Every structure is written in structure tokens, then in C-alpha cells.
Amino acid sequence: MLFVSKERGQGLVEYAIILAFVALVVISVVRLLGPSIGNTFSNITNSMP
């Protein structure tokens, strides 16, 4: 029973690290693909009457 709080804290840190990693991947993908996606939507919008 004495180690329950330490395990909870460890789990929280692990989730925080995973969340930071996922955020970093999402930011990288958006920065990499953002301009090409924007151009695609601009082309679609310009082709509409």
C-alpha cells in the first residue's frame, strides 16, 4: 500500500511523455504537409465556379 502513489505518479509521467511525443509528431506532420494540403484546397476552391 505504500507504493501505490509512486506507481500512480510513474503512470502519469509515462502518459505525459507519450502525449508530448504524439504532439511532436502531429506538429511535425502538419509543418511538413501543411503547405501542400493548403495548395490542394486552394486549387479545389479556385476550380469551383
N, C-alpha and C. Protein backbone atom coordinates (compact mmCIF):
# COMPACT_ATOMS: atom_id res chain seq x y z
N MET A 1 0.82 -1.20 0.00
CA MET A 1 0.00 0.00 0.00
C MET A 1 0.86 1.26 0.00
N LEU A 2 2.09 1.17 0.44
CA LEU A 2 2.92 2.35 0.50
C LEU A 2 3.41 2.79 -0.88
N PHE A 3 3.41 1.88 -1.84
CA PHE A 3 3.97 2.19 -3.15
C PHE A 3 2.90 2.57 -4.18
N VAL A 4 1.65 2.66 -3.78
CA VAL A 4 0.58 2.95 -4.73
C VAL A 4 0.75 4.35 -5.31
N SER A 5 1.05 5.34 -4.50
CA SER A 5 1.18 6.69 -5.01
C SER A 5 2.37 6.83 -5.96
N LYS A 6 3.46 6.12 -5.71
CA LYS A 6 4.61 6.17 -6.61
C LYS A 6 4.26 5.59 -7.98
N GLU A 7 3.49 4.50 -7.99
CA GLU A 7 3.10 3.89 -9.26
C GLU A 7 2.15 4.80 -10.01
N ARG A 8 1.27 5.49 -9.30
CA ARG A 8 0.38 6.43 -9.97
C ARG A 8 1.17 7.56 -10.59
N GLY A 9 2.12 8.09 -9.89
CA GLY A 9 2.95 9.16 -10.42
C GLY A 9 3.76 8.70 -11.62
N GLN A 10 4.25 7.47 -11.55
CA GLN A 10 5.01 6.93 -12.67
C GLN A 10 4.12 6.80 -13.90
N GLY A 11 2.89 6.32 -13.72
CA GLY A 11 1.97 6.20 -14.84
C GLY A 11 1.63 7.55 -15.44
N LEU A 12 1.48 8.55 -14.58
CA LEU A 12 1.19 9.89 -15.05
C LEU A 12 2.34 10.45 -15.88
N VAL A 13 3.55 10.21 -15.44
CA VAL A 13 4.72 10.67 -16.19
C VAL A 13 4.80 9.95 -17.53
N GLU A 14 4.52 8.67 -17.55
CA GLU A 14 4.55 7.92 -18.81
C GLU A 14 3.52 8.45 -19.79
N TYR A 15 2.31 8.74 -19.31
CA TYR A 15 1.28 9.30 -20.18
C TYR A 15 1.68 10.68 -20.67
N ALA A 16 2.31 11.47 -19.83
CA ALA A 16 2.76 12.80 -20.24
C ALA A 16 3.82 12.71 -21.33
N ILE A 17 4.73 11.74 -21.20
CA ILE A 17 5.77 11.56 -22.22
C ILE A 17 5.16 11.10 -23.54
N ILE A 18 4.21 10.19 -23.48
CA ILE A 18 3.54 9.73 -24.69
C ILE A 18 2.78 10.87 -25.34
N LEU A 19 2.08 11.67 -24.54
CA LEU A 19 1.33 12.80 -25.07
C LEU A 19 2.27 13.82 -25.74
N ALA A 20 3.40 14.08 -25.11
CA ALA A 20 4.37 15.01 -25.70
C ALA A 20 4.92 14.46 -27.02
N PHE A 21 5.18 13.16 -27.08
CA PHE A 21 5.68 12.54 -28.31
C PHE A 21 4.64 12.62 -29.42
N VAL A 22 3.39 12.34 -29.11
CA VAL A 22 2.33 12.41 -30.11
C VAL A 22 2.16 13.84 -30.60
N ALA A 23 2.21 14.80 -29.68
CA ALA A 23 2.09 16.21 -30.07
C ALA A 23 3.24 16.60 -30.99
N LEU A 24 4.44 16.14 -30.69
CA LEU A 24 5.60 16.45 -31.53
C LEU A 24 5.44 15.86 -32.93
N VAL A 25 4.95 14.65 -33.01
CA VAL A 25 4.73 14.01 -34.32
C VAL A 25 3.66 14.76 -35.11
N VAL A 26 2.57 15.13 -34.46
CA VAL A 26 1.49 15.84 -35.15
C VAL A 26 1.99 17.19 -35.65
N ILE A 27 2.71 17.92 -34.82
CA ILE A 27 3.24 19.22 -35.23
C ILE A 27 4.19 19.06 -36.41
N SER A 28 5.03 18.04 -36.38
CA SER A 28 5.97 17.81 -37.47
C SER A 28 5.25 17.49 -38.78
N VAL A 29 4.23 16.66 -38.71
CA VAL A 29 3.49 16.28 -39.91
C VAL A 29 2.74 17.49 -40.48
N VAL A 30 2.14 18.29 -39.61
CA VAL A 30 1.41 19.46 -40.08
C VAL A 30 2.37 20.46 -40.72
N ARG A 31 3.53 20.66 -40.12
CA ARG A 31 4.50 21.58 -40.71
C ARG A 31 5.02 21.06 -42.04
N LEU A 32 5.17 19.75 -42.15
CA LEU A 32 5.69 19.16 -43.38
C LEU A 32 4.66 19.17 -44.50
N LEU A 33 3.43 18.78 -44.17
CA LEU A 33 2.40 18.63 -45.20
C LEU A 33 1.46 19.82 -45.30
N GLY A 34 1.56 20.77 -44.41
CA GLY A 34 0.65 21.91 -44.39
C GLY A 34 0.56 22.67 -45.69
N PRO A 35 1.69 23.10 -46.24
CA PRO A 35 1.61 23.86 -47.50
C PRO A 35 0.99 23.08 -48.65
N SER A 36 1.31 21.82 -48.78
CA SER A 36 0.74 21.06 -49.90
C SER A 36 -0.75 20.83 -49.72
N ILE A 37 -1.20 20.63 -48.48
CA ILE A 37 -2.63 20.48 -48.23
C ILE A 37 -3.35 21.80 -48.50
N GLY A 38 -2.73 22.91 -48.08
CA GLY A 38 -3.31 24.23 -48.35
C GLY A 38 -3.42 24.50 -49.83
N ASN A 39 -2.40 24.13 -50.58
CA ASN A 39 -2.45 24.32 -52.04
C ASN A 39 -3.53 23.48 -52.68
N THR A 40 -3.71 22.27 -52.19
CA THR A 40 -4.75 21.40 -52.73
C THR A 40 -6.13 22.01 -52.52
N PHE A 41 -6.39 22.51 -51.30
CA PHE A 41 -7.68 23.13 -51.04
C PHE A 41 -7.86 24.41 -51.85
N SER A 42 -6.79 25.15 -52.05
CA SER A 42 -6.87 26.37 -52.87
C SER A 42 -7.20 26.02 -54.32
N ASN A 43 -6.59 24.96 -54.83
CA ASN A 43 -6.89 24.53 -56.20
C ASN A 43 -8.33 24.09 -56.35
N ILE A 44 -8.85 23.38 -55.34
CA ILE A 44 -10.24 22.94 -55.39
C ILE A 44 -11.17 24.14 -55.35
N THR A 45 -10.84 25.10 -54.48
CA THR A 45 -11.70 26.29 -54.37
C THR A 45 -11.66 27.12 -55.65
N ASN A 46 -10.49 27.26 -56.25
CA ASN A 46 -10.39 28.04 -57.48
C ASN A 46 -11.05 27.37 -58.66
N SER A 47 -11.15 26.05 -58.65
CA SER A 47 -11.78 25.36 -59.78
C SER A 47 -13.31 25.39 -59.71
N MET A 48 -13.86 25.77 -58.57
CA MET A 48 -15.33 25.87 -58.45
C MET A 48 -15.81 27.17 -59.08
N PRO A 49 -16.98 27.11 -59.69
CA PRO A 49 -17.50 28.34 -60.35
C PRO A 49 -17.96 29.38 -59.35
